[in-house]
Amino acid sequence: MTSIDLSGTGPPETVLPAAPAAWMAELAAAMELPEAEQHAAVSALVAANPRFLDGWAQLGELGRDVMESYGAFRVGYHRGLDALRQSGWRGSGYVRWQHPTNQGFLRALAGLQRCAAQIGEQDEDERCMMFLRQLDPSWPPAEFS
């Protein structure tokens, strides 16, 4: 039998602040470019705004090989940890996908997990998957299934 805590207390939840609308618009515009131009446009956006988590996650998705993707996802993950700490996260608690402002960080972490699996880094693959499930017990969202 599983017990359910109905007290209303539990792990705290962190919701990251929104990225500037101009960055989001520039990212959307970059993704409307011809495929051959997207990587350079997103790379330039992230270089100009290195704290832009959605940009790092997208740069990882656009990686030209698994190691380039791995690097972008890892930077996005670490920048995301910095952003979480600045938002009051203390190393535990929820960071849920349902909040759009958390999705850049979670996409970077999920991308890091996928790349680790691809290169045979089993401990990192497992650690990232466990962390995703701790941050959001409903992981993975439908978009990742």
Protein backbone atom coordinates (compact mmCIF):
# COMPACT_ATOMS: atom_id res chain seq x y z
CA MET A 1 0.00 0.00 0.00
CA THR A 2 1.29 3.45 -0.94
CA SER A 3 0.64 6.38 1.35
CA ILE A 4 -0.28 9.77 -0.05
CA ASP A 5 0.66 12.98 1.72
CA LEU A 6 -2.46 15.16 1.86
CA SER A 7 -0.99 17.78 4.16
CA GLY A 8 -0.22 20.20 1.36
CA THR A 9 3.45 20.15 2.22
CA GLY A 10 6.11 18.52 0.15
CA PRO A 11 9.11 19.39 -1.91
CA PRO A 12 9.24 23.01 -3.04
CA GLU A 13 8.73 23.83 -6.71
CA THR A 14 10.92 26.19 -8.70
CA VAL A 15 9.75 27.99 -11.80
CA LEU A 16 12.45 29.76 -13.76
CA PRO A 17 11.82 33.34 -14.91
CA ALA A 18 10.94 33.87 -18.56
CA ALA A 19 13.69 34.60 -21.04
CA PRO A 20 13.45 38.03 -22.65
CA ALA A 21 10.81 38.08 -25.37
CA ALA A 22 13.38 39.39 -27.86
CA TRP A 23 15.54 36.29 -27.37
CA MET A 24 12.56 34.00 -27.83
CA ALA A 25 11.55 35.87 -30.99
CA GLU A 26 15.09 35.67 -32.36
CA LEU A 27 15.19 31.93 -31.64
CA ALA A 28 11.86 31.43 -33.41
CA ALA A 29 13.13 33.44 -36.39
CA ALA A 30 16.34 31.39 -36.51
CA MET A 31 14.30 28.19 -36.66
CA GLU A 32 12.34 29.59 -39.63
CA LEU A 33 15.56 29.97 -41.64
CA PRO A 34 16.60 27.30 -44.13
CA GLU A 35 17.94 24.27 -42.26
CA ALA A 36 21.51 24.94 -43.42
CA GLU A 37 21.43 28.38 -41.72
CA GLN A 38 19.77 27.47 -38.42
CA HIS A 39 22.86 26.27 -36.57
CA ALA A 40 24.86 29.44 -37.25
CA ALA A 41 21.93 31.69 -36.31
CA VAL A 42 21.24 29.89 -33.02
CA SER A 43 24.95 29.74 -32.24
CA ALA A 44 25.24 33.51 -32.70
CA LEU A 45 22.18 34.08 -30.50
CA VAL A 46 23.60 31.91 -27.70
CA ALA A 47 27.04 33.52 -28.01
CA ALA A 48 25.41 36.93 -27.50
CA ASN A 49 23.16 35.62 -24.67
CA PRO A 50 25.00 32.78 -22.89
CA ARG A 51 22.37 32.48 -20.13
CA PHE A 52 19.61 31.68 -22.68
CA LEU A 53 18.62 28.12 -21.74
CA ASP A 54 16.20 27.60 -24.62
CA GLY A 55 18.98 28.65 -26.98
CA TRP A 56 21.43 26.12 -25.54
CA ALA A 57 18.83 23.36 -25.77
CA GLN A 58 18.09 24.24 -29.39
CA LEU A 59 21.80 24.44 -30.21
CA GLY A 60 22.15 20.93 -28.81
CA GLU A 61 19.30 19.73 -31.01
CA LEU A 62 21.03 21.27 -34.03
CA GLY A 63 24.42 19.74 -33.23
CA ARG A 64 26.25 18.42 -36.26
CA ASP A 65 27.38 15.33 -34.37
CA VAL A 66 26.75 13.73 -31.00
CA MET A 67 29.73 15.37 -29.30
CA GLU A 68 28.77 18.86 -30.44
CA SER A 69 25.24 18.23 -29.15
CA TYR A 70 26.64 16.79 -25.90
CA GLY A 71 28.68 19.95 -25.34
CA ALA A 72 25.78 22.33 -25.95
CA PHE A 73 23.43 20.30 -23.77
CA ARG A 74 26.01 20.15 -20.97
CA VAL A 75 26.50 23.92 -21.02
CA GLY A 76 22.72 24.41 -21.04
CA TYR A 77 22.39 22.04 -18.11
CA HIS A 78 25.04 23.86 -16.06
CA ARG A 79 23.68 27.30 -16.96
CA GLY A 80 20.29 25.94 -15.93
CA LEU A 81 21.59 24.85 -12.53
CA ASP A 82 22.93 28.37 -12.06
CA ALA A 83 19.54 29.85 -13.01
CA LEU A 84 17.73 27.47 -10.66
CA ARG A 85 19.97 28.44 -7.75
CA GLN A 86 19.41 32.12 -8.52
CA SER A 87 15.67 31.39 -8.41
CA GLY A 88 15.87 29.90 -4.92
CA TRP A 89 16.33 26.19 -5.74
CA ARG A 90 18.53 24.54 -3.11
CA GLY A 91 19.34 21.23 -4.78
CA SER A 92 16.01 19.51 -4.26
CA GLY A 93 12.41 20.04 -5.17
CA TYR A 94 10.41 20.09 -8.35
CA VAL A 95 11.26 21.77 -11.64
CA ARG A 96 8.30 20.71 -13.74
CA TRP A 97 7.92 20.58 -17.52
CA GLN A 98 4.40 22.04 -17.28
CA HIS A 99 5.98 25.46 -16.76
CA PRO A 100 7.23 26.64 -20.18
CA THR A 101 10.04 28.65 -18.59
CA ASN A 102 11.53 25.41 -17.18
CA GLN A 103 11.54 23.64 -20.52
CA GLY A 104 14.88 24.96 -21.82
CA PHE A 105 16.69 23.56 -18.79
CA LEU A 106 14.80 20.26 -18.90
CA ARG A 107 15.40 19.91 -22.66
CA ALA A 108 19.13 20.45 -22.08
CA LEU A 109 19.19 17.83 -19.32
CA ALA A 110 17.19 15.36 -21.42
CA GLY A 111 19.50 16.00 -24.38
CA LEU A 112 22.54 15.41 -22.20
CA GLN A 113 20.99 12.12 -21.09
CA ARG A 114 20.35 11.03 -24.70
CA CYS A 115 23.86 11.94 -25.81
CA ALA A 116 25.41 10.17 -22.83
CA ALA A 117 23.47 7.04 -23.80
CA GLN A 118 24.64 7.37 -27.42
CA ILE A 119 28.31 7.52 -26.48
CA GLY A 120 28.05 4.73 -23.91
CA GLU A 121 28.42 6.91 -20.82
CA GLN A 122 26.02 4.73 -18.83
CA ASP A 123 26.51 6.34 -15.41
CA GLU A 124 25.75 9.82 -16.81
CA ASP A 125 22.77 8.48 -18.77
CA GLU A 126 21.32 6.93 -15.59
CA ARG A 127 22.14 9.94 -13.40
CA CYS A 128 20.46 12.35 -15.81
CA MET A 129 17.35 10.16 -16.15
CA MET A 130 17.04 9.85 -12.37
CA PHE A 131 17.48 13.61 -11.97
CA LEU A 132 14.77 14.29 -14.59
CA ARG A 133 12.36 12.04 -12.72
CA GLN A 134 13.20 13.68 -9.39
CA LEU A 135 12.63 17.14 -10.85
CA ASP A 136 9.36 16.12 -12.49
CA PRO A 137 7.83 12.83 -11.34
CA SER A 138 5.63 12.76 -14.46
CA TRP A 139 8.71 12.70 -16.72
CA PRO A 140 8.82 12.21 -19.66
CA PRO A 141 6.30 14.61 -21.16
CA ALA A 142 4.36 13.49 -24.23
CA GLU A 143 6.83 15.35 -26.46
CA PHE A 144 9.60 12.96 -25.39
CA SER A 145 7.65 9.68 -25.58
